[in-house]
Amino acid sequence: MYKIIIADDHLIVTEGVTRIIQEIRTLEGEPFGDVIATVNSLDECQLKCQELQPDLLLLDVAMGDGDGIDCMKELRHAAPAMKILILTIYSEPAVVSRAIAAGADGYVVKTAGIEEFTLALRKVMDGDIYISKDARNQVKDHPYGLGNDSISLTRREKDVLGLLAKGYTMKEIASELCLSFETVHSYTKYLREKLHASNTASMVRIAIENHLI
């Protein structure tokens, strides 16, 4: 039975994923995995990985205290034998590509069904790289099938982008939207990646030109 840690700053996600994992069985009918810890920050995640040495980490990208992908090197160092499966809302090629390049063993979008999520767990623990259907649907012209010219923003990303266009600072946006500064910073980073922008000014210009705000 695999030891699993879930890193996500939304309680409803950690509880739901834990229940799903509890229902998964091996071909022999044994429990597939045991969720030995759930954490809601990257700092706590690193400590728990080092302490518990899990077989698998389910890691969100946009954590309250930073970027999960950016912390993967430190997490790997904490638990060298651990597999990392990204579990996130982001399906954009730029983000998926960055995760795989950083060494993720798999990438699942939270819109995936239980059957696909189960498949991803099995594939990753068998040593394969798994990218979920919603992310693969955007794949073109990339070593891992990543890349797409279409632009799609979440409601929260549109909120952040709209306030940036009005001249708000990230601190002001955090206060306005009741988010942490680190979360707003992560949203801004992903927006730049999605829009292929080098800075905030070019990001806002591209958004306006594409009628995103």
N, C-alpha and C. Protein backbone atom coordinates (compact mmCIF):
# COMPACT_ATOMS: atom_id res chain seq x y z
N MET A 1 0.85 -1.19 0.00
CA MET A 1 0.00 0.00 0.00
C MET A 1 0.89 1.25 0.00
N TYR A 2 0.62 2.14 -0.94
CA TYR A 2 1.44 3.33 -1.09
C TYR A 2 1.10 4.40 -0.04
N LYS A 3 2.15 5.04 0.46
CA LYS A 3 1.97 6.16 1.39
C LYS A 3 1.85 7.44 0.59
N ILE A 4 0.77 8.19 0.84
CA ILE A 4 0.45 9.34 0.01
C ILE A 4 0.26 10.59 0.87
N ILE A 5 0.81 11.71 0.39
CA ILE A 5 0.56 13.03 1.00
C ILE A 5 -0.18 13.88 -0.03
N ILE A 6 -1.18 14.63 0.43
CA ILE A 6 -1.91 15.55 -0.43
C ILE A 6 -1.59 16.98 0.00
N ALA A 7 -1.12 17.79 -0.94
CA ALA A 7 -0.81 19.20 -0.67
C ALA A 7 -1.76 20.07 -1.46
N ASP A 8 -2.73 20.65 -0.77
CA ASP A 8 -3.72 21.52 -1.40
C ASP A 8 -4.28 22.44 -0.33
N ASP A 9 -4.49 23.71 -0.66
CA ASP A 9 -4.95 24.65 0.36
C ASP A 9 -6.48 24.78 0.40
N HIS A 10 -7.17 23.81 -0.18
CA HIS A 10 -8.63 23.77 -0.10
C HIS A 10 -9.06 22.47 0.60
N LEU A 11 -9.67 22.62 1.76
CA LEU A 11 -10.05 21.46 2.57
C LEU A 11 -10.97 20.52 1.83
N ILE A 12 -11.90 21.06 1.05
CA ILE A 12 -12.86 20.22 0.35
C ILE A 12 -12.15 19.32 -0.66
N VAL A 13 -11.03 19.79 -1.21
CA VAL A 13 -10.26 18.98 -2.16
C VAL A 13 -9.53 17.86 -1.43
N THR A 14 -8.83 18.20 -0.36
CA THR A 14 -8.08 17.17 0.36
C THR A 14 -9.01 16.10 0.92
N GLU A 15 -10.17 16.50 1.44
CA GLU A 15 -11.10 15.51 1.98
C GLU A 15 -11.68 14.64 0.87
N GLY A 16 -12.04 15.28 -0.26
CA GLY A 16 -12.61 14.52 -1.36
C GLY A 16 -11.62 13.55 -1.98
N VAL A 17 -10.40 13.99 -2.20
CA VAL A 17 -9.38 13.13 -2.79
C VAL A 17 -9.02 11.99 -1.83
N THR A 18 -8.97 12.29 -0.55
CA THR A 18 -8.69 11.24 0.44
C THR A 18 -9.73 10.15 0.36
N ARG A 19 -10.99 10.52 0.27
CA ARG A 19 -12.06 9.52 0.20
C ARG A 19 -11.97 8.68 -1.07
N ILE A 20 -11.63 9.32 -2.17
CA ILE A 20 -11.46 8.58 -3.43
C ILE A 20 -10.35 7.55 -3.29
N ILE A 21 -9.21 7.97 -2.75
CA ILE A 21 -8.07 7.07 -2.60
C ILE A 21 -8.41 5.90 -1.69
N GLN A 22 -9.19 6.15 -0.67
CA GLN A 22 -9.59 5.07 0.25
C GLN A 22 -10.39 3.98 -0.45
N GLU A 23 -11.05 4.33 -1.56
CA GLU A 23 -11.89 3.37 -2.28
C GLU A 23 -11.13 2.60 -3.36
N ILE A 24 -9.94 3.06 -3.72
CA ILE A 24 -9.19 2.41 -4.79
C ILE A 24 -8.54 1.13 -4.29
N ARG A 25 -8.64 0.08 -5.10
CA ARG A 25 -8.06 -1.22 -4.76
C ARG A 25 -7.07 -1.66 -5.83
N THR A 26 -6.12 -2.48 -5.42
CA THR A 26 -5.18 -3.08 -6.36
C THR A 26 -5.89 -4.24 -7.08
N LEU A 27 -5.23 -4.82 -8.06
CA LEU A 27 -5.80 -5.96 -8.77
C LEU A 27 -6.05 -7.14 -7.84
N GLU A 28 -5.30 -7.18 -6.75
CA GLU A 28 -5.47 -8.26 -5.77
C GLU A 28 -6.55 -7.93 -4.74
N GLY A 29 -7.15 -6.76 -4.86
CA GLY A 29 -8.21 -6.38 -3.93
C GLY A 29 -7.73 -5.69 -2.68
N GLU A 30 -6.44 -5.39 -2.60
CA GLU A 30 -5.89 -4.71 -1.43
C GLU A 30 -6.02 -3.19 -1.60
N PRO A 31 -6.03 -2.43 -0.49
CA PRO A 31 -6.07 -0.96 -0.59
C PRO A 31 -4.87 -0.45 -1.39
N PHE A 32 -5.14 0.48 -2.30
CA PHE A 32 -4.07 1.01 -3.15
C PHE A 32 -3.14 1.92 -2.37
N GLY A 33 -3.72 2.80 -1.55
CA GLY A 33 -2.89 3.78 -0.86
C GLY A 33 -3.48 4.25 0.44
N ASP A 34 -2.62 4.83 1.26
CA ASP A 34 -3.02 5.38 2.55
C ASP A 34 -2.57 6.84 2.59
N VAL A 35 -3.52 7.76 2.75
CA VAL A 35 -3.19 9.17 2.87
C VAL A 35 -2.65 9.42 4.28
N ILE A 36 -1.34 9.56 4.37
CA ILE A 36 -0.69 9.67 5.68
C ILE A 36 -0.62 11.11 6.19
N ALA A 37 -0.90 12.08 5.29
CA ALA A 37 -0.92 13.49 5.72
C ALA A 37 -1.57 14.33 4.64
N THR A 38 -2.25 15.39 5.08
CA THR A 38 -2.72 16.44 4.16
C THR A 38 -2.15 17.76 4.67
N VAL A 39 -1.66 18.57 3.75
CA VAL A 39 -1.03 19.84 4.14
C VAL A 39 -1.59 20.96 3.28
N ASN A 40 -1.58 22.18 3.83
CA ASN A 40 -2.13 23.31 3.07
C ASN A 40 -1.11 24.40 2.79
N SER A 41 0.18 24.08 2.98
CA SER A 41 1.23 25.04 2.64
C SER A 41 2.46 24.27 2.15
N LEU A 42 3.28 24.94 1.37
CA LEU A 42 4.48 24.30 0.83
C LEU A 42 5.52 24.07 1.92
N ASP A 43 5.60 24.98 2.87
CA ASP A 43 6.55 24.80 3.98
C ASP A 43 6.21 23.52 4.76
N GLU A 44 4.93 23.36 5.07
CA GLU A 44 4.50 22.17 5.80
C GLU A 44 4.69 20.92 4.94
N CYS A 45 4.46 21.06 3.64
CA CYS A 45 4.63 19.94 2.73
C CYS A 45 6.06 19.42 2.75
N GLN A 46 7.02 20.32 2.68
CA GLN A 46 8.42 19.91 2.69
C GLN A 46 8.77 19.20 4.00
N LEU A 47 8.28 19.73 5.10
CA LEU A 47 8.56 19.11 6.40
C LEU A 47 7.96 17.71 6.49
N LYS A 48 6.72 17.56 6.03
CA LYS A 48 6.05 16.27 6.10
C LYS A 48 6.67 15.25 5.15
N CYS A 49 7.10 15.71 3.98
CA CYS A 49 7.76 14.80 3.04
C CYS A 49 9.07 14.28 3.62
N GLN A 50 9.81 15.17 4.25
CA GLN A 50 11.07 14.77 4.86
C GLN A 50 10.84 13.82 6.03
N GLU A 51 9.81 14.11 6.82
CA GLU A 51 9.54 13.31 8.00
C GLU A 51 8.95 11.94 7.65
N LEU A 52 8.01 11.90 6.71
CA LEU A 52 7.24 10.68 6.46
C LEU A 52 7.70 9.88 5.25
N GLN A 53 8.49 10.47 4.37
CA GLN A 53 9.01 9.80 3.17
C GLN A 53 7.90 9.06 2.41
N PRO A 54 6.95 9.81 1.86
CA PRO A 54 5.84 9.17 1.14
C PRO A 54 6.28 8.57 -0.19
N ASP A 55 5.46 7.68 -0.70
CA ASP A 55 5.70 7.14 -2.04
C ASP A 55 5.19 8.08 -3.12
N LEU A 56 4.17 8.87 -2.77
CA LEU A 56 3.53 9.74 -3.75
C LEU A 56 3.07 11.04 -3.08
N LEU A 57 3.31 12.14 -3.78
CA LEU A 57 2.81 13.45 -3.36
C LEU A 57 1.84 13.96 -4.41
N LEU A 58 0.62 14.28 -4.01
CA LEU A 58 -0.33 14.97 -4.88
C LEU A 58 -0.19 16.46 -4.59
N LEU A 59 0.26 17.21 -5.57
CA LEU A 59 0.68 18.60 -5.33
C LEU A 59 -0.11 19.58 -6.19
N ASP A 60 -0.73 20.57 -5.54
CA ASP A 60 -1.39 21.64 -6.27
C ASP A 60 -0.34 22.63 -6.76
N VAL A 61 -0.66 23.37 -7.81
CA VAL A 61 0.28 24.35 -8.35
C VAL A 61 0.21 25.66 -7.56
N ALA A 62 -0.98 26.22 -7.46
CA ALA A 62 -1.14 27.52 -6.79
C ALA A 62 -1.48 27.31 -5.32
N MET A 63 -0.46 27.23 -4.50
CA MET A 63 -0.65 27.10 -3.06
C MET A 63 -0.66 28.50 -2.43
N GLY A 64 -1.20 28.60 -1.24
CA GLY A 64 -1.32 29.90 -0.59
C GLY A 64 0.00 30.59 -0.34
N ASP A 65 1.07 29.80 -0.14
CA ASP A 65 2.36 30.40 0.18
C ASP A 65 3.37 30.29 -0.96
N GLY A 66 2.90 29.99 -2.16
CA GLY A 66 3.83 29.95 -3.27
C GLY A 66 3.41 29.02 -4.40
N ASP A 67 4.37 28.76 -5.28
CA ASP A 67 4.17 27.98 -6.49
C ASP A 67 4.68 26.55 -6.28
N GLY A 68 3.77 25.57 -6.41
CA GLY A 68 4.16 24.18 -6.18
C GLY A 68 5.24 23.70 -7.13
N ILE A 69 5.16 24.11 -8.39
CA ILE A 69 6.15 23.66 -9.37
C ILE A 69 7.53 24.21 -9.01
N ASP A 70 7.58 25.47 -8.61
CA ASP A 70 8.87 26.08 -8.26
C ASP A 70 9.52 25.39 -7.06
N CYS A 71 8.72 24.73 -6.23
CA CYS A 71 9.25 24.08 -5.02
C CYS A 71 9.57 22.60 -5.21
N MET A 72 9.39 22.10 -6.42
CA MET A 72 9.56 20.65 -6.62
C MET A 72 10.99 20.18 -6.35
N LYS A 73 11.98 21.01 -6.65
CA LYS A 73 13.37 20.62 -6.40
C LYS A 73 13.60 20.38 -4.92
N GLU A 74 13.10 21.29 -4.08
CA GLU A 74 13.25 21.14 -2.64
C GLU A 74 12.46 19.93 -2.12
N LEU A 75 11.28 19.71 -2.69
CA LEU A 75 10.47 18.56 -2.27
C LEU A 75 11.14 17.25 -2.66
N ARG A 76 11.73 17.21 -3.84
CA ARG A 76 12.48 16.02 -4.26
C ARG A 76 13.66 15.75 -3.32
N HIS A 77 14.30 16.83 -2.92
CA HIS A 77 15.44 16.67 -2.01
C HIS A 77 14.98 16.12 -0.66
N ALA A 78 13.79 16.53 -0.24
CA ALA A 78 13.25 16.07 1.04
C ALA A 78 12.90 14.59 1.01
N ALA A 79 12.42 14.11 -0.14
CA ALA A 79 12.02 12.70 -0.26
C ALA A 79 12.40 12.21 -1.65
N PRO A 80 13.65 11.78 -1.84
CA PRO A 80 14.18 11.47 -3.18
C PRO A 80 13.43 10.37 -3.94
N ALA A 81 12.86 9.40 -3.24
CA ALA A 81 12.19 8.29 -3.92
C ALA A 81 10.73 8.59 -4.24
N MET A 82 10.24 9.72 -3.83
CA MET A 82 8.82 10.08 -3.95
C MET A 82 8.45 10.44 -5.38
N LYS A 83 7.29 9.96 -5.82
CA LYS A 83 6.69 10.39 -7.08
C LYS A 83 5.86 11.65 -6.82
N ILE A 84 5.77 12.53 -7.82
CA ILE A 84 4.97 13.74 -7.69
C ILE A 84 3.94 13.80 -8.81
N LEU A 85 2.67 13.85 -8.42
CA LEU A 85 1.57 14.00 -9.37
C LEU A 85 0.93 15.36 -9.13
N ILE A 86 1.01 16.23 -10.12
CA ILE A 86 0.39 17.55 -10.02
C ILE A 86 -1.13 17.39 -10.15
N LEU A 87 -1.86 18.02 -9.23
CA LEU A 87 -3.33 18.01 -9.26
C LEU A 87 -3.79 19.46 -9.15
N THR A 88 -4.31 20.02 -10.24
CA THR A 88 -4.53 21.46 -10.30
C THR A 88 -5.70 21.83 -11.21
N ILE A 89 -6.09 23.10 -11.20
CA ILE A 89 -7.13 23.57 -12.10
C ILE A 89 -6.56 23.96 -13.45
N TYR A 90 -5.24 24.11 -13.55
CA TYR A 90 -4.62 24.65 -14.76
C TYR A 90 -4.38 23.57 -15.81
N SER A 91 -4.91 23.79 -17.02
CA SER A 91 -4.68 22.85 -18.12
C SER A 91 -3.86 23.47 -19.25
N GLU A 92 -3.42 24.73 -19.06
CA GLU A 92 -2.71 25.43 -20.13
C GLU A 92 -1.35 24.78 -20.41
N PRO A 93 -0.99 24.65 -21.69
CA PRO A 93 0.26 24.01 -22.08
C PRO A 93 1.50 24.58 -21.41
N ALA A 94 1.53 25.91 -21.23
CA ALA A 94 2.72 26.52 -20.63
C ALA A 94 2.95 26.00 -19.21
N VAL A 95 1.86 25.83 -18.46
CA VAL A 95 1.98 25.36 -17.09
C VAL A 95 2.31 23.87 -17.06
N VAL A 96 1.63 23.10 -17.90
CA VAL A 96 1.88 21.65 -17.97
C VAL A 96 3.33 21.40 -18.37
N SER A 97 3.78 22.12 -19.38
CA SER A 97 5.15 21.96 -19.86
C SER A 97 6.16 22.25 -18.76
N ARG A 98 5.91 23.32 -18.01
CA ARG A 98 6.83 23.70 -16.93
C ARG A 98 6.87 22.63 -15.85
N ALA A 99 5.70 22.04 -15.55
CA ALA A 99 5.64 21.00 -14.52
C ALA A 99 6.42 19.75 -14.94
N ILE A 100 6.21 19.31 -16.17
CA ILE A 100 6.90 18.11 -16.65
C ILE A 100 8.41 18.36 -16.75
N ALA A 101 8.77 19.56 -17.23
CA ALA A 101 10.19 19.90 -17.33
C ALA A 101 10.85 19.95 -15.96
N ALA A 102 10.06 20.32 -14.94
CA ALA A 102 10.60 20.39 -13.57
C ALA A 102 10.70 19.02 -12.92
N GLY A 103 10.15 17.99 -13.60
CA GLY A 103 10.30 16.64 -13.08
C GLY A 103 9.06 15.99 -12.52
N ALA A 104 7.88 16.58 -12.79
CA ALA A 104 6.65 15.95 -12.32
C ALA A 104 6.46 14.61 -13.00
N ASP A 105 5.94 13.64 -12.27
CA ASP A 105 5.70 12.30 -12.83
C ASP A 105 4.33 12.22 -13.51
N GLY A 106 3.48 13.20 -13.25
CA GLY A 106 2.17 13.21 -13.87
C GLY A 106 1.48 14.53 -13.63
N TYR A 107 0.40 14.75 -14.39
CA TYR A 107 -0.31 16.02 -14.33
C TYR A 107 -1.79 15.74 -14.54
N VAL A 108 -2.60 16.03 -13.53
CA VAL A 108 -4.04 15.80 -13.62
C VAL A 108 -4.78 17.09 -13.34
N VAL A 109 -5.73 17.42 -14.21
CA VAL A 109 -6.57 18.60 -14.02
C VAL A 109 -7.76 18.19 -13.15
N LYS A 110 -8.18 19.10 -12.28
CA LYS A 110 -9.22 18.78 -11.31
C LYS A 110 -10.59 18.54 -11.93
N THR A 111 -10.72 18.78 -13.23
CA THR A 111 -11.96 18.44 -13.91
C THR A 111 -12.01 16.96 -14.29
N ALA A 112 -10.93 16.23 -14.06
CA ALA A 112 -10.89 14.81 -14.39
C ALA A 112 -11.89 14.03 -13.56
N GLY A 113 -12.41 12.96 -14.13
CA GLY A 113 -13.31 12.09 -13.37
C GLY A 113 -12.53 11.13 -12.49
N ILE A 114 -13.26 10.40 -11.65
CA ILE A 114 -12.62 9.46 -10.73
C ILE A 114 -11.86 8.37 -11.50
N GLU A 115 -12.44 7.91 -12.61
CA GLU A 115 -11.79 6.85 -13.39
C GLU A 115 -10.44 7.31 -13.92
N GLU A 116 -10.40 8.53 -14.46
CA GLU A 116 -9.14 9.03 -14.99
C GLU A 116 -8.14 9.32 -13.87
N PHE A 117 -8.61 9.84 -12.76
CA PHE A 117 -7.74 10.10 -11.63
C PHE A 117 -7.11 8.79 -11.13
N THR A 118 -7.92 7.76 -11.06
CA THR A 118 -7.42 6.45 -10.64
C THR A 118 -6.37 5.93 -11.61
N LEU A 119 -6.65 6.10 -12.91
CA LEU A 119 -5.69 5.68 -13.93
C LEU A 119 -4.38 6.43 -13.78
N ALA A 120 -4.46 7.73 -13.52
CA ALA A 120 -3.24 8.53 -13.35
C ALA A 120 -2.42 8.03 -12.17
N LEU A 121 -3.08 7.72 -11.05
CA LEU A 121 -2.36 7.19 -9.89
C LEU A 121 -1.64 5.90 -10.23
N ARG A 122 -2.34 5.00 -10.91
CA ARG A 122 -1.74 3.71 -11.25
C ARG A 122 -0.57 3.87 -12.21
N LYS A 123 -0.75 4.71 -13.23
CA LYS A 123 0.31 4.92 -14.23
C LYS A 123 1.56 5.50 -13.59
N VAL A 124 1.38 6.53 -12.77
CA VAL A 124 2.52 7.18 -12.13
C VAL A 124 3.27 6.21 -11.22
N MET A 125 2.53 5.44 -10.44
CA MET A 125 3.19 4.50 -9.53
C MET A 125 3.81 3.32 -10.27
N ASP A 126 3.39 3.10 -11.52
CA ASP A 126 4.02 2.07 -12.36
C ASP A 126 5.24 2.60 -13.09
N GLY A 127 5.53 3.89 -12.89
CA GLY A 127 6.72 4.47 -13.50
C GLY A 127 6.49 5.21 -14.80
N ASP A 128 5.23 5.39 -15.20
CA ASP A 128 4.92 6.11 -16.43
C ASP A 128 4.65 7.58 -16.12
N ILE A 129 4.77 8.43 -17.15
CA ILE A 129 4.35 9.83 -17.04
C ILE A 129 2.92 9.91 -17.56
N TYR A 130 2.03 10.50 -16.78
CA TYR A 130 0.64 10.61 -17.19
C TYR A 130 0.20 12.07 -17.23
N ILE A 131 -0.40 12.47 -18.35
CA ILE A 131 -0.96 13.80 -18.49
C ILE A 131 -2.45 13.65 -18.77
N SER A 132 -3.28 14.31 -17.99
CA SER A 132 -4.72 14.08 -18.08
C SER A 132 -5.32 14.58 -19.38
N LYS A 133 -6.51 14.07 -19.67
CA LYS A 133 -7.18 14.32 -20.94
C LYS A 133 -7.38 15.80 -21.21
N ASP A 134 -7.82 16.55 -20.20
CA ASP A 134 -8.08 17.97 -20.41
C ASP A 134 -6.82 18.73 -20.79
N ALA A 135 -5.68 18.28 -20.28
CA ALA A 135 -4.41 18.91 -20.66
C ALA A 135 -3.96 18.42 -22.03
N ARG A 136 -4.14 17.13 -22.31
CA ARG A 136 -3.72 16.57 -23.60
C ARG A 136 -4.52 17.15 -24.75
N ASN A 137 -5.75 17.58 -24.47
CA ASN A 137 -6.58 18.15 -25.53
C ASN A 137 -5.98 19.41 -26.12
N GLN A 138 -5.04 20.02 -25.40
CA GLN A 138 -4.41 21.26 -25.88
C GLN A 138 -3.03 21.01 -26.47
N VAL A 139 -2.72 19.70 -26.72
CA VAL A 139 -1.37 19.36 -27.10
C VAL A 139 -1.09 19.44 -28.59
N LYS A 140 0.02 20.12 -28.91
CA LYS A 140 0.49 20.19 -30.29
C LYS A 140 1.94 20.63 -30.27
N ASP A 141 2.70 20.04 -31.20
CA ASP A 141 4.05 20.54 -31.47
C ASP A 141 4.90 20.74 -30.22
N HIS A 142 4.92 19.74 -29.37
CA HIS A 142 5.76 19.80 -28.17
C HIS A 142 6.22 18.39 -27.85
N PRO A 143 7.43 18.20 -27.31
CA PRO A 143 7.91 16.86 -26.98
C PRO A 143 6.92 16.05 -26.16
N TYR A 144 6.14 16.71 -25.30
CA TYR A 144 5.14 16.02 -24.50
C TYR A 144 3.74 16.31 -25.04
N GLY A 145 3.64 16.82 -26.28
CA GLY A 145 2.36 17.15 -26.85
C GLY A 145 1.75 18.39 -26.29
N LEU A 146 2.55 19.36 -25.94
CA LEU A 146 2.02 20.58 -25.32
C LEU A 146 2.15 21.75 -26.27
N GLY A 147 1.18 22.65 -26.17
CA GLY A 147 1.25 23.86 -26.98
C GLY A 147 -0.07 24.16 -27.64
N ASN A 148 -0.52 25.36 -27.52
CA ASN A 148 -1.79 25.76 -28.10
C ASN A 148 -1.86 27.28 -28.12
N ASP A 149 -2.45 27.82 -29.17
CA ASP A 149 -2.54 29.28 -29.27
C ASP A 149 -3.79 29.84 -28.62
N SER A 150 -4.74 28.97 -28.25
CA SER A 150 -5.97 29.48 -27.65
C SER A 150 -5.71 29.98 -26.24
N ILE A 151 -6.49 30.96 -25.81
CA ILE A 151 -6.32 31.54 -24.49
C ILE A 151 -7.63 31.40 -23.72
N SER A 152 -7.56 30.79 -22.57
CA SER A 152 -8.73 30.62 -21.73
C SER A 152 -8.37 31.00 -20.31
N LEU A 153 -9.16 31.88 -19.70
CA LEU A 153 -8.88 32.34 -18.35
C LEU A 153 -9.98 31.90 -17.40
N THR A 154 -9.60 31.58 -16.17
CA THR A 154 -10.58 31.28 -15.13
C THR A 154 -11.20 32.61 -14.66
N ARG A 155 -12.30 32.49 -13.93
CA ARG A 155 -12.96 33.70 -13.42
C ARG A 155 -12.02 34.49 -12.53
N ARG A 156 -11.30 33.81 -11.66
CA ARG A 156 -10.40 34.51 -10.74
C ARG A 156 -9.25 35.17 -11.50
N GLU A 157 -8.74 34.51 -12.54
CA GLU A 157 -7.67 35.12 -13.34
C GLU A 157 -8.17 36.39 -14.02
N LYS A 158 -9.42 36.38 -14.48
CA LYS A 158 -10.00 37.58 -15.08
C LYS A 158 -10.13 38.70 -14.05
N ASP A 159 -10.49 38.31 -12.81
CA ASP A 159 -10.58 39.31 -11.74
C ASP A 159 -9.23 39.98 -11.51
N VAL A 160 -8.20 39.15 -11.40
CA VAL A 160 -6.84 39.67 -11.15
C VAL A 160 -6.39 40.53 -12.32
N LEU A 161 -6.60 40.04 -13.53
CA LEU A 161 -6.17 40.77 -14.72
C LEU A 161 -6.90 42.10 -14.84
N GLY A 162 -8.20 42.11 -14.54
CA GLY A 162 -8.96 43.35 -14.61
C GLY A 162 -8.45 44.40 -13.65
N LEU A 163 -8.08 43.97 -12.45
CA LEU A 163 -7.56 44.92 -11.46
C LEU A 163 -6.16 45.40 -11.82
N LEU A 164 -5.37 44.52 -12.40
CA LEU A 164 -4.04 44.94 -12.88
C LEU A 164 -4.20 46.01 -13.96
N ALA A 165 -5.19 45.81 -14.84
CA ALA A 165 -5.43 46.77 -15.91
C ALA A 165 -5.84 48.13 -15.36
N LYS A 166 -6.45 48.13 -14.17
CA LYS A 166 -6.87 49.38 -13.54
C LYS A 166 -5.75 50.03 -12.74
N GLY A 167 -4.58 49.36 -12.70
CA GLY A 167 -3.44 49.94 -12.03
C GLY A 167 -3.25 49.50 -10.59
N TYR A 168 -4.03 48.52 -10.14
CA TYR A 168 -3.89 48.03 -8.77
C TYR A 168 -2.53 47.33 -8.61
N THR A 169 -1.94 47.46 -7.43
CA THR A 169 -0.75 46.67 -7.10
C THR A 169 -1.19 45.28 -6.65
N MET A 170 -0.25 44.35 -6.59
CA MET A 170 -0.60 42.99 -6.16
C MET A 170 -1.09 42.99 -4.71
N LYS A 171 -0.52 43.83 -3.88
CA LYS A 171 -0.98 43.94 -2.50
C LYS A 171 -2.42 44.42 -2.45
N GLU A 172 -2.75 45.42 -3.29
CA GLU A 172 -4.11 45.95 -3.33
C GLU A 172 -5.09 44.91 -3.87
N ILE A 173 -4.63 44.14 -4.86
CA ILE A 173 -5.49 43.08 -5.42
C ILE A 173 -5.77 42.02 -4.37
N ALA A 174 -4.75 41.66 -3.60
CA ALA A 174 -4.92 40.67 -2.54
C ALA A 174 -5.99 41.13 -1.55
N SER A 175 -5.93 42.40 -1.19
CA SER A 175 -6.91 42.95 -0.25
C SER A 175 -8.30 42.99 -0.87
N GLU A 176 -8.39 43.42 -2.12
CA GLU A 176 -9.67 43.55 -2.81
C GLU A 176 -10.36 42.19 -2.99
N LEU A 177 -9.59 41.15 -3.31
CA LEU A 177 -10.16 39.83 -3.61
C LEU A 177 -10.09 38.86 -2.43
N CYS A 178 -9.59 39.36 -1.29
CA CYS A 178 -9.46 38.52 -0.07
C CYS A 178 -8.59 37.30 -0.33
N LEU A 179 -7.46 37.54 -0.98
CA LEU A 179 -6.49 36.49 -1.26
C LEU A 179 -5.17 36.84 -0.58
N SER A 180 -4.29 35.86 -0.45
CA SER A 180 -2.96 36.16 0.06
C SER A 180 -2.13 36.81 -1.05
N PHE A 181 -1.11 37.55 -0.65
CA PHE A 181 -0.22 38.18 -1.63
C PHE A 181 0.43 37.11 -2.50
N GLU A 182 0.83 35.97 -1.87
CA GLU A 182 1.49 34.90 -2.61
C GLU A 182 0.58 34.30 -3.68
N THR A 183 -0.73 34.19 -3.36
CA THR A 183 -1.67 33.64 -4.33
C THR A 183 -1.82 34.58 -5.52
N VAL A 184 -1.91 35.87 -5.26
CA VAL A 184 -2.01 36.85 -6.34
C VAL A 184 -0.74 36.82 -7.19
N HIS A 185 0.39 36.68 -6.53
CA HIS A 185 1.66 36.59 -7.26
C HIS A 185 1.67 35.39 -8.19
N SER A 186 1.14 34.25 -7.71
CA SER A 186 1.07 33.04 -8.54
C SER A 186 0.13 33.25 -9.72
N TYR A 187 -1.03 33.85 -9.47
CA TYR A 187 -1.97 34.13 -10.56
C TYR A 187 -1.31 35.00 -11.62
N THR A 188 -0.59 36.03 -11.19
CA THR A 188 0.06 36.94 -12.12
C THR A 188 1.11 36.21 -12.95
N LYS A 189 1.82 35.32 -12.30
CA LYS A 189 2.86 34.54 -12.99
C LYS A 189 2.25 33.67 -14.08
N TYR A 190 1.15 32.97 -13.74
CA TYR A 190 0.49 32.10 -14.71
C TYR A 190 -0.16 32.89 -15.84
N LEU A 191 -0.67 34.07 -15.51
CA LEU A 191 -1.24 34.91 -16.55
C LEU A 191 -0.17 35.32 -17.57
N ARG A 192 1.02 35.66 -17.07
CA ARG A 192 2.11 36.00 -17.99
C ARG A 192 2.45 34.82 -18.89
N GLU A 193 2.44 33.62 -18.31
CA GLU A 193 2.75 32.43 -19.10
C GLU A 193 1.67 32.17 -20.15
N LYS A 194 0.42 32.29 -19.73
CA LYS A 194 -0.69 32.04 -20.66
C LYS A 194 -0.68 33.02 -21.83
N LEU A 195 -0.36 34.27 -21.52
CA LEU A 195 -0.44 35.32 -22.53
C LEU A 195 0.91 35.57 -23.22
N HIS A 196 1.92 34.77 -22.83
CA HIS A 196 3.27 34.92 -23.41
C HIS A 196 3.75 36.35 -23.28
N ALA A 197 3.57 36.91 -22.09
CA ALA A 197 3.93 38.30 -21.84
C ALA A 197 5.19 38.37 -20.98
N SER A 198 6.02 39.37 -21.23
CA SER A 198 7.27 39.51 -20.49
C SER A 198 7.11 40.32 -19.21
N ASN A 199 6.04 41.13 -19.15
CA ASN A 199 5.82 41.95 -17.96
C ASN A 199 4.33 42.28 -17.84
N THR A 200 3.97 42.98 -16.79
CA THR A 200 2.56 43.29 -16.54
C THR A 200 1.96 44.16 -17.63
N ALA A 201 2.71 45.15 -18.08
CA ALA A 201 2.20 46.07 -19.10
C ALA A 201 1.85 45.32 -20.39
N SER A 202 2.77 44.45 -20.85
CA SER A 202 2.51 43.71 -22.08
C SER A 202 1.38 42.70 -21.87
N MET A 203 1.27 42.16 -20.66
CA MET A 203 0.20 41.22 -20.35
C MET A 203 -1.17 41.89 -20.47
N VAL A 204 -1.30 43.08 -19.93
CA VAL A 204 -2.56 43.83 -20.01
C VAL A 204 -2.86 44.20 -21.46
N ARG A 205 -1.84 44.60 -22.21
CA ARG A 205 -2.05 44.97 -23.62
C ARG A 205 -2.55 43.78 -24.42
N ILE A 206 -1.92 42.62 -24.23
CA ILE A 206 -2.33 41.40 -24.94
C ILE A 206 -3.76 41.02 -24.56
N ALA A 207 -4.09 41.15 -23.28
CA ALA A 207 -5.43 40.81 -22.82
C ALA A 207 -6.48 41.71 -23.49
N ILE A 208 -6.16 42.99 -23.59
CA ILE A 208 -7.10 43.93 -24.21
C ILE A 208 -7.25 43.62 -25.71
N GLU A 209 -6.12 43.35 -26.37
CA GLU A 209 -6.16 43.05 -27.80
C GLU A 209 -6.97 41.80 -28.11
N ASN A 210 -6.98 40.85 -27.15
CA ASN A 210 -7.69 39.59 -27.35
C ASN A 210 -9.07 39.60 -26.71
N HIS A 211 -9.50 40.79 -26.25
CA HIS A 211 -10.84 40.97 -25.67
C HIS A 211 -11.06 40.07 -24.46
N LEU A 212 -10.00 39.90 -23.66
CA LEU A 212 -10.11 39.07 -22.45
C LEU A 212 -10.58 39.88 -21.26
N ILE A 213 -10.45 41.19 -21.33
CA ILE A 213 -10.94 42.07 -20.27
C ILE A 213 -11.65 43.27 -20.89
